[in-house]
Each structure stands twice: as structure tokens, then as C-alpha cells.
Amino acid sequence: MPKALLWGYFLIVALLCVVAWPLLTDHLLTFGESAGRLLEAHDKGVTALFTIVLAIATAFLWHATYRLWIAGERQVKLSRDTAERQLRAYLTFRNLRIKPWKWEVDSVPFVTLELRNNGQTPAYNVKVEWYLDFAHTSSVKYLKPKIVDSPSYVLDPQTVSAFRGDLGKLSNEMIRRLKAGTHTIAVCAKVSYEDAFGRPRHTTLLASAPSAESTQTDSEAGFASEGVEAT
């Protein structure tokens, strides 16, 4: 828009204000006098109305403040939970092996198991409960960790604890059932611990040894996981 036209609009508005200002002033004075008389006549009603409006405004202000506080608390909790997930200890079982996996009478296959802290902070009051069982294949999933009075310890980040155990010598009957596939050597393990934030955690593992057809004599074999649970 040309500057000359803008200046023209400005001058027109200024002239209108100059002309209308006296009339507007007279009307405002008249309205002010009328309003003053009205307020004097109904002062109690006006006071009551003002009190009601103030109460409503206060209620709305309190509600808005409360909602802001709730949103802030949620944000703080979300930030805290995120930090805990990133920094807490995560204990997992790994490298579950059986060796030597011999199908011979009086052989003693032993099982090795590792527990690793994959988190960024230590795990405290670590207690490991695990055992081997010569179990029917259909009952492996129902095995529960046995309560063992084991000493607790601290497992630092990115470190490993190793465990080893065996069932003793294999008998003719055990070998027959293993070869028939009705039974297996099962491992049931559970680790309970506390993370750096004082929260109780646990990890459980169920696993079974491989079948006779899938292994070679004297070989080392891994276990098939039947289920893992972690918190």
C-alpha cells in the first residue's frame, strides 16, 4: 500500500477522534454518574455478586493449579522411571551347557551356568537358587525353584558369576528313559536381587537338555529354554 494512502487513513482517523472525543467524554461522564447512583442503591447486592464471582474465579484457579501439579508429578515420575530403566541392573542367565553329554552307564554329565549383569549399576543382595532334575518331559514347565539358603552378594555391571552342578552317575534306567525321550535333565534357576534404586527384581529360567538323537557321544550340548521370566 502506498505511504501517501496510509497517511491519509491516519489523518481521517485522527480527525474523527478529535470530533468524537467531546461527545464520548460527555457520555462517559453521564454513564459514570448513573453507574455511581446504581451502585449506591444496590451496594449489598453488588458486594454479594462480586463475592460469588471471586469464589468461582478462585475455584477455577485452584482447579487449574491442581491440574498443573498433577501434570508435573506425572512428568517427574516418567523421568524417574526412564532413568531407572536405563541405569538399573539387569541379571540374565546364559551359556547353559551340559558336558560331556555321554549316554553311558556311570557317566557323570555336569551342567554349567552363567549369570551376567547387563545393566549399568550393581545388583545388590543377589541370591541364586538353581537345581538339576531328572524329570518327565511333560512336567518340566511345572518345575519351581527350590528355596536354598545361599549367601547373598553384589554383582557389578558387566560381570559374570559361574555355577556348576551334576545329578551324579547315570543309571541304565535313566539312560533308557533319556533315549526314549520320556525324560530329560532339566534346569530350574532363579535369581533374586535388588537394583540400585532399592526395588526387588528377579529372573527365572527353565531349560531341558537336548534329546539323544540331537547329540553326539562325548559332545557338549546346549539346553533348550522352556521359559524365561524377568522383572
C-alpha atoms as a PDB file:
ATOM      1  CA  MET A   1       0.000   0.000   0.000  1.00  0.00           C
ATOM      2  CA  PRO A   2       1.415   3.483  -0.876  1.00  0.00           C
ATOM      3  CA  LYS A   3       2.640   5.563   2.041  1.00  0.00           C
ATOM      4  CA  ALA A   4       0.512   8.547   0.962  1.00  0.00           C
ATOM      5  CA  LEU A   5      -2.632   6.433   1.265  1.00  0.00           C
ATOM      6  CA  LEU A   6      -1.604   5.229   4.715  1.00  0.00           C
ATOM      7  CA  TRP A   7      -1.043   8.789   5.882  1.00  0.00           C
ATOM      8  CA  GLY A   8      -4.484   9.676   4.505  1.00  0.00           C
ATOM      9  CA  TYR A   9      -6.154   6.927   6.563  1.00  0.00           C
ATOM     10  CA  PHE A  10      -4.230   8.069   9.633  1.00  0.00           C
ATOM     11  CA  LEU A  11      -5.386  11.707   9.217  1.00  0.00           C
ATOM     12  CA  ILE A  12      -9.013  10.652   8.750  1.00  0.00           C
ATOM     13  CA  VAL A  13      -8.948   8.534  11.938  1.00  0.00           C
ATOM     14  CA  ALA A  14      -7.286  11.386  13.844  1.00  0.00           C
ATOM     15  CA  LEU A  15      -9.952  13.884  12.705  1.00  0.00           C
ATOM     16  CA  LEU A  16     -12.730  11.503  13.691  1.00  0.00           C
ATOM     17  CA  CYS A  17     -11.200  11.084  17.159  1.00  0.00           C
ATOM     18  CA  VAL A  18     -10.929  14.846  17.612  1.00  0.00           C
ATOM     19  CA  VAL A  19     -14.552  15.352  16.605  1.00  0.00           C
ATOM     20  CA  ALA A  20     -15.970  12.412  18.562  1.00  0.00           C
ATOM     21  CA  TRP A  21     -13.931  12.841  21.755  1.00  0.00           C
ATOM     22  CA  PRO A  22     -16.127  15.574  23.373  1.00  0.00           C
ATOM     23  CA  LEU A  23     -19.284  13.586  22.689  1.00  0.00           C
ATOM     24  CA  LEU A  24     -17.694  10.405  24.033  1.00  0.00           C
ATOM     25  CA  THR A  25     -16.491  12.236  27.147  1.00  0.00           C
ATOM     26  CA  ASP A  26     -19.993  13.594  27.884  1.00  0.00           C
ATOM     27  CA  HIS A  27     -21.491  10.124  27.502  1.00  0.00           C
ATOM     28  CA  LEU A  28     -18.857   8.579  29.752  1.00  0.00           C
ATOM     29  CA  LEU A  29     -19.480  11.178  32.459  1.00  0.00           C
ATOM     30  CA  THR A  30     -23.227  10.629  32.259  1.00  0.00           C
ATOM     31  CA  PHE A  31     -22.740   6.838  32.392  1.00  0.00           C
ATOM     32  CA  GLY A  32     -20.371   7.181  35.323  1.00  0.00           C
ATOM     33  CA  GLU A  33     -22.850   9.254  37.325  1.00  0.00           C
ATOM     34  CA  SER A  34     -25.663   6.799  36.590  1.00  0.00           C
ATOM     35  CA  ALA A  35     -23.466   3.844  37.499  1.00  0.00           C
ATOM     36  CA  GLY A  36     -22.446   5.516  40.758  1.00  0.00           C
ATOM     37  CA  ARG A  37     -26.044   6.072  41.779  1.00  0.00           C
ATOM     38  CA  LEU A  38     -26.887   2.479  40.850  1.00  0.00           C
ATOM     39  CA  LEU A  39     -24.044   1.099  42.952  1.00  0.00           C
ATOM     40  CA  GLU A  40     -25.043   3.211  45.938  1.00  0.00           C
ATOM     41  CA  ALA A  41     -28.601   1.924  45.716  1.00  0.00           C
ATOM     42  CA  HIS A  42     -27.588  -1.749  45.414  1.00  0.00           C
ATOM     43  CA  ASP A  43     -24.297  -1.880  47.272  1.00  0.00           C
ATOM     44  CA  LYS A  44     -25.074  -5.095  49.202  1.00  0.00           C
ATOM     45  CA  GLY A  45     -26.221  -6.938  46.098  1.00  0.00           C
ATOM     46  CA  VAL A  46     -23.145  -5.823  44.182  1.00  0.00           C
ATOM     47  CA  THR A  47     -20.915  -6.955  47.050  1.00  0.00           C
ATOM     48  CA  ALA A  48     -22.605 -10.366  47.136  1.00  0.00           C
ATOM     49  CA  LEU A  49     -22.324 -10.739  43.363  1.00  0.00           C
ATOM     50  CA  PHE A  50     -18.644  -9.785  43.479  1.00  0.00           C
ATOM     51  CA  THR A  51     -18.055 -12.337  46.253  1.00  0.00           C
ATOM     52  CA  ILE A  52     -19.693 -15.092  44.175  1.00  0.00           C
ATOM     53  CA  VAL A  53     -17.644 -14.181  41.085  1.00  0.00           C
ATOM     54  CA  LEU A  54     -14.476 -14.123  43.182  1.00  0.00           C
ATOM     55  CA  ALA A  55     -15.278 -17.554  44.660  1.00  0.00           C
ATOM     56  CA  ILE A  56     -15.892 -19.017  41.200  1.00  0.00           C
ATOM     57  CA  ALA A  57     -12.668 -17.491  39.874  1.00  0.00           C
ATOM     58  CA  THR A  58     -10.762 -18.868  42.880  1.00  0.00           C
ATOM     59  CA  ALA A  59     -12.225 -22.339  42.288  1.00  0.00           C
ATOM     60  CA  PHE A  60     -11.189 -22.277  38.645  1.00  0.00           C
ATOM     61  CA  LEU A  61      -7.712 -21.072  39.617  1.00  0.00           C
ATOM     62  CA  TRP A  62      -7.361 -23.872  42.196  1.00  0.00           C
ATOM     63  CA  HIS A  63      -8.509 -26.463  39.646  1.00  0.00           C
ATOM     64  CA  ALA A  64      -6.016 -25.195  37.049  1.00  0.00           C
ATOM     65  CA  THR A  65      -3.224 -25.201  39.630  1.00  0.00           C
ATOM     66  CA  TYR A  66      -4.122 -28.748  40.699  1.00  0.00           C
ATOM     67  CA  ARG A  67      -4.056 -29.978  37.095  1.00  0.00           C
ATOM     68  CA  LEU A  68      -0.649 -28.369  36.595  1.00  0.00           C
ATOM     69  CA  TRP A  69       0.616 -30.071  39.759  1.00  0.00           C
ATOM     70  CA  ILE A  70      -0.698 -33.468  38.602  1.00  0.00           C
ATOM     71  CA  ALA A  71       0.943 -32.997  35.186  1.00  0.00           C
ATOM     72  CA  GLY A  72       4.206 -32.064  36.897  1.00  0.00           C
ATOM     73  CA  GLU A  73       4.095 -35.137  39.139  1.00  0.00           C
ATOM     74  CA  ARG A  74       3.478 -37.373  36.122  1.00  0.00           C
ATOM     75  CA  GLN A  75       6.412 -35.836  34.298  1.00  0.00           C
ATOM     76  CA  VAL A  76       8.670 -36.325  37.318  1.00  0.00           C
ATOM     77  CA  LYS A  77       7.571 -39.980  37.648  1.00  0.00           C
ATOM     78  CA  LEU A  78       8.103 -40.575  33.927  1.00  0.00           C
ATOM     79  CA  SER A  79      11.595 -39.081  34.115  1.00  0.00           C
ATOM     80  CA  ARG A  80      12.414 -41.152  37.215  1.00  0.00           C
ATOM     81  CA  ASP A  81      11.123 -44.378  35.636  1.00  0.00           C
ATOM     82  CA  THR A  82      13.078 -43.701  32.452  1.00  0.00           C
ATOM     83  CA  ALA A  83      16.262 -43.104  34.433  1.00  0.00           C
ATOM     84  CA  GLU A  84      15.715 -46.315  36.413  1.00  0.00           C
ATOM     85  CA  ARG A  85      15.163 -48.377  33.268  1.00  0.00           C
ATOM     86  CA  GLN A  86      18.346 -47.013  31.727  1.00  0.00           C
ATOM     87  CA  LEU A  87      20.544 -47.341  34.812  1.00  0.00           C
ATOM     88  CA  ARG A  88      19.187 -50.322  36.762  1.00  0.00           C
ATOM     89  CA  ALA A  89      20.776 -53.775  36.935  1.00  0.00           C
ATOM     90  CA  TYR A  90      19.544 -56.498  34.554  1.00  0.00           C
ATOM     91  CA  LEU A  91      20.550 -60.043  35.543  1.00  0.00           C
ATOM     92  CA  THR A  92      20.193 -62.767  32.930  1.00  0.00           C
ATOM     93  CA  PHE A  93      21.186 -66.428  32.724  1.00  0.00           C
ATOM     94  CA  ARG A  94      23.332 -67.502  29.794  1.00  0.00           C
ATOM     95  CA  ASN A  95      25.663 -70.217  28.444  1.00  0.00           C
ATOM     96  CA  LEU A  96      23.696 -73.078  29.978  1.00  0.00           C
ATOM     97  CA  ARG A  97      25.638 -76.152  28.853  1.00  0.00           C
ATOM     98  CA  ILE A  98      25.861 -79.866  29.690  1.00  0.00           C
ATOM     99  CA  LYS A  99      29.116 -81.749  29.165  1.00  0.00           C
ATOM    100  CA  PRO A 100      30.222 -84.313  28.476  1.00  0.00           C
ATOM    101  CA  TRP A 101      26.820 -85.488  27.224  1.00  0.00           C
ATOM    102  CA  LYS A 102      27.588 -89.228  27.371  1.00  0.00           C
ATOM    103  CA  TRP A 103      24.937 -91.924  27.034  1.00  0.00           C
ATOM    104  CA  GLU A 104      26.892 -94.392  29.139  1.00  0.00           C
ATOM    105  CA  VAL A 105      26.194 -96.057  32.460  1.00  0.00           C
ATOM    106  CA  ASP A 106      28.009 -94.394  35.372  1.00  0.00           C
ATOM    107  CA  SER A 107      28.908 -91.310  33.290  1.00  0.00           C
ATOM    108  CA  VAL A 108      28.513 -88.024  35.196  1.00  0.00           C
ATOM    109  CA  PRO A 109      27.458 -85.184  32.919  1.00  0.00           C
ATOM    110  CA  PHE A 110      27.713 -81.813  34.627  1.00  0.00           C
ATOM    111  CA  VAL A 111      25.919 -78.588  33.908  1.00  0.00           C
ATOM    112  CA  THR A 112      27.468 -75.114  33.783  1.00  0.00           C
ATOM    113  CA  LEU A 113      25.509 -71.888  34.024  1.00  0.00           C
ATOM    114  CA  GLU A 114      26.462 -68.225  33.967  1.00  0.00           C
ATOM    115  CA  LEU A 115      24.712 -65.207  35.454  1.00  0.00           C
ATOM    116  CA  ARG A 116      25.523 -61.817  33.938  1.00  0.00           C
ATOM    117  CA  ASN A 117      24.642 -58.265  34.974  1.00  0.00           C
ATOM    118  CA  ASN A 118      23.840 -56.482  31.709  1.00  0.00           C
ATOM    119  CA  GLY A 119      22.872 -53.226  33.434  1.00  0.00           C
ATOM    120  CA  GLN A 120      24.824 -50.089  34.273  1.00  0.00           C
ATOM    121  CA  THR A 121      24.641 -50.286  38.076  1.00  0.00           C
ATOM    122  CA  PRO A 122      25.407 -53.078  40.585  1.00  0.00           C
ATOM    123  CA  ALA A 123      22.843 -55.652  41.671  1.00  0.00           C
ATOM    124  CA  TYR A 124      22.627 -55.994  45.455  1.00  0.00           C
ATOM    125  CA  ASN A 125      21.613 -58.903  47.707  1.00  0.00           C
ATOM    126  CA  VAL A 126      21.947 -61.319  44.797  1.00  0.00           C
ATOM    127  CA  LYS A 127      20.663 -64.792  45.694  1.00  0.00           C
ATOM    128  CA  VAL A 128      20.727 -67.670  43.218  1.00  0.00           C
ATOM    129  CA  GLU A 129      18.522 -70.752  43.562  1.00  0.00           C
ATOM    130  CA  TRP A 130      19.037 -73.472  40.992  1.00  0.00           C
ATOM    131  CA  TYR A 131      18.951 -77.227  40.751  1.00  0.00           C
ATOM    132  CA  LEU A 132      19.021 -80.104  38.277  1.00  0.00           C
ATOM    133  CA  ASP A 133      16.239 -82.622  37.989  1.00  0.00           C
ATOM    134  CA  PHE A 134      15.742 -85.867  36.101  1.00  0.00           C
ATOM    135  CA  ALA A 135      12.191 -85.042  35.063  1.00  0.00           C
ATOM    136  CA  HIS A 136       9.468 -86.237  32.725  1.00  0.00           C
ATOM    137  CA  THR A 137       9.437 -84.098  29.616  1.00  0.00           C
ATOM    138  CA  SER A 138       5.811 -83.105  30.190  1.00  0.00           C
ATOM    139  CA  SER A 139       6.488 -81.844  33.711  1.00  0.00           C
ATOM    140  CA  VAL A 140       9.464 -79.575  33.025  1.00  0.00           C
ATOM    141  CA  LYS A 141       7.300 -76.491  32.611  1.00  0.00           C
ATOM    142  CA  TYR A 142       5.820 -77.038  36.089  1.00  0.00           C
ATOM    143  CA  LEU A 143       9.141 -77.090  37.952  1.00  0.00           C
ATOM    144  CA  LYS A 144       9.665 -74.400  40.586  1.00  0.00           C
ATOM    145  CA  PRO A 145      12.927 -73.133  42.051  1.00  0.00           C
ATOM    146  CA  LYS A 146      13.763 -74.714  45.388  1.00  0.00           C
ATOM    147  CA  ILE A 147      14.378 -72.431  48.341  1.00  0.00           C
ATOM    148  CA  VAL A 148      18.097 -72.527  49.104  1.00  0.00           C
ATOM    149  CA  ASP A 149      19.777 -70.708  51.957  1.00  0.00           C
ATOM    150  CA  SER A 150      22.505 -69.309  49.741  1.00  0.00           C
ATOM    151  CA  PRO A 151      24.694 -66.343  50.705  1.00  0.00           C
ATOM    152  CA  SER A 152      23.909 -63.039  49.042  1.00  0.00           C
ATOM    153  CA  TYR A 153      26.482 -60.975  47.179  1.00  0.00           C
ATOM    154  CA  VAL A 154      26.877 -57.950  44.897  1.00  0.00           C
ATOM    155  CA  LEU A 155      27.200 -58.393  41.132  1.00  0.00           C
ATOM    156  CA  ASP A 156      28.823 -55.416  39.420  1.00  0.00           C
ATOM    157  CA  PRO A 157      27.838 -54.177  35.951  1.00  0.00           C
ATOM    158  CA  GLN A 158      29.037 -56.290  33.009  1.00  0.00           C
ATOM    159  CA  THR A 159      30.389 -59.029  35.295  1.00  0.00           C
ATOM    160  CA  VAL A 160      29.588 -62.744  35.380  1.00  0.00           C
ATOM    161  CA  SER A 161      29.035 -65.382  38.066  1.00  0.00           C
ATOM    162  CA  ALA A 162      29.537 -69.042  37.103  1.00  0.00           C
ATOM    163  CA  PHE A 163      27.825 -72.128  38.569  1.00  0.00           C
ATOM    164  CA  ARG A 164      28.320 -75.847  38.101  1.00  0.00           C
ATOM    165  CA  GLY A 165      26.383 -78.919  39.221  1.00  0.00           C
ATOM    166  CA  ASP A 166      25.559 -82.515  38.340  1.00  0.00           C
ATOM    167  CA  LEU A 167      22.978 -85.226  39.030  1.00  0.00           C
ATOM    168  CA  GLY A 168      25.503 -87.946  39.771  1.00  0.00           C
ATOM    169  CA  LYS A 169      26.033 -91.094  37.772  1.00  0.00           C
ATOM    170  CA  LEU A 170      23.563 -92.088  35.076  1.00  0.00           C
ATOM    171  CA  SER A 171      21.920 -95.495  35.593  1.00  0.00           C
ATOM    172  CA  ASN A 172      20.701 -97.946  32.954  1.00  0.00           C
ATOM    173  CA  GLU A 173      17.090 -96.934  33.604  1.00  0.00           C
ATOM    174  CA  MET A 174      17.871 -93.220  33.316  1.00  0.00           C
ATOM    175  CA  ILE A 175      19.683 -93.767  30.021  1.00  0.00           C
ATOM    176  CA  ARG A 176      16.782 -95.875  28.707  1.00  0.00           C
ATOM    177  CA  ARG A 177      14.290 -93.115  29.508  1.00  0.00           C
ATOM    178  CA  LEU A 178      16.545 -90.435  28.088  1.00  0.00           C
ATOM    179  CA  LYS A 179      16.894 -92.333  24.830  1.00  0.00           C
ATOM    180  CA  ALA A 180      13.156 -92.993  24.734  1.00  0.00           C
ATOM    181  CA  GLY A 181      12.552 -89.278  25.041  1.00  0.00           C
ATOM    182  CA  THR A 182      10.193 -89.596  28.005  1.00  0.00           C
ATOM    183  CA  HIS A 183      12.606 -87.935  30.425  1.00  0.00           C
ATOM    184  CA  THR A 184      15.223 -85.211  30.322  1.00  0.00           C
ATOM    185  CA  ILE A 185      17.676 -83.432  32.557  1.00  0.00           C
ATOM    186  CA  ALA A 186      16.021 -80.160  33.452  1.00  0.00           C
ATOM    187  CA  VAL A 187      17.431 -77.000  34.996  1.00  0.00           C
ATOM    188  CA  CYS A 188      15.341 -74.684  37.109  1.00  0.00           C
ATOM    189  CA  ALA A 189      17.042 -71.448  38.186  1.00  0.00           C
ATOM    190  CA  LYS A 190      16.007 -68.224  39.854  1.00  0.00           C
ATOM    191  CA  VAL A 191      17.977 -65.157  40.865  1.00  0.00           C
ATOM    192  CA  SER A 192      16.544 -62.565  43.252  1.00  0.00           C
ATOM    193  CA  TYR A 193      18.198 -59.195  43.722  1.00  0.00           C
ATOM    194  CA  GLU A 194      17.711 -55.506  44.399  1.00  0.00           C
ATOM    195  CA  ASP A 195      18.607 -52.813  41.916  1.00  0.00           C
ATOM    196  CA  ALA A 196      20.410 -49.576  42.794  1.00  0.00           C
ATOM    197  CA  PHE A 197      17.041 -47.934  43.495  1.00  0.00           C
ATOM    198  CA  GLY A 198      16.084 -50.481  46.158  1.00  0.00           C
ATOM    199  CA  ARG A 199      13.470 -52.245  44.034  1.00  0.00           C
ATOM    200  CA  PRO A 200      13.237 -56.061  44.262  1.00  0.00           C
ATOM    201  CA  ARG A 201      13.815 -57.909  40.978  1.00  0.00           C
ATOM    202  CA  HIS A 202      14.043 -61.500  39.864  1.00  0.00           C
ATOM    203  CA  THR A 203      14.813 -63.633  36.832  1.00  0.00           C
ATOM    204  CA  THR A 204      13.786 -67.269  36.410  1.00  0.00           C
ATOM    205  CA  LEU A 205      14.811 -69.870  33.869  1.00  0.00           C
ATOM    206  CA  LEU A 206      13.508 -73.295  32.868  1.00  0.00           C
ATOM    207  CA  ALA A 207      15.505 -75.389  30.420  1.00  0.00           C
ATOM    208  CA  SER A 208      15.909 -79.008  29.362  1.00  0.00           C
ATOM    209  CA  ALA A 209      18.817 -80.975  27.901  1.00  0.00           C
ATOM    210  CA  PRO A 210      18.696 -81.972  24.232  1.00  0.00           C
ATOM    211  CA  SER A 211      17.440 -85.356  23.128  1.00  0.00           C
ATOM    212  CA  ALA A 212      19.716 -88.285  22.399  1.00  0.00           C
ATOM    213  CA  GLU A 213      19.131 -88.074  18.662  1.00  0.00           C
ATOM    214  CA  SER A 214      20.363 -84.445  18.507  1.00  0.00           C
ATOM    215  CA  THR A 215      23.750 -85.008  20.180  1.00  0.00           C
ATOM    216  CA  GLN A 216      26.911 -86.944  19.631  1.00  0.00           C
ATOM    217  CA  THR A 217      28.642 -89.053  22.289  1.00  0.00           C
ATOM    218  CA  ASP A 218      31.057 -87.025  24.413  1.00  0.00           C
ATOM    219  CA  SER A 219      29.823 -83.791  22.907  1.00  0.00           C
ATOM    220  CA  GLU A 220      28.995 -80.603  24.731  1.00  0.00           C
ATOM    221  CA  ALA A 221      25.380 -79.557  24.285  1.00  0.00           C
ATOM    222  CA  GLY A 222      23.250 -76.537  24.959  1.00  0.00           C
ATOM    223  CA  PHE A 223      19.891 -76.552  26.677  1.00  0.00           C
ATOM    224  CA  ALA A 224      16.521 -75.765  25.127  1.00  0.00           C
ATOM    225  CA  SER A 225      14.817 -72.933  27.011  1.00  0.00           C
ATOM    226  CA  GLU A 226      11.374 -73.792  28.317  1.00  0.00           C
ATOM    227  CA  GLY A 227      10.669 -70.312  29.607  1.00  0.00           C
ATOM    228  CA  VAL A 228      12.285 -67.150  30.958  1.00  0.00           C
ATOM    229  CA  GLU A 229      10.665 -64.614  33.238  1.00  0.00           C
ATOM    230  CA  ALA A 230      12.192 -61.346  34.405  1.00  0.00           C
ATOM    231  CA  THR A 231      11.142 -58.222  36.304  1.00  0.00           C
END
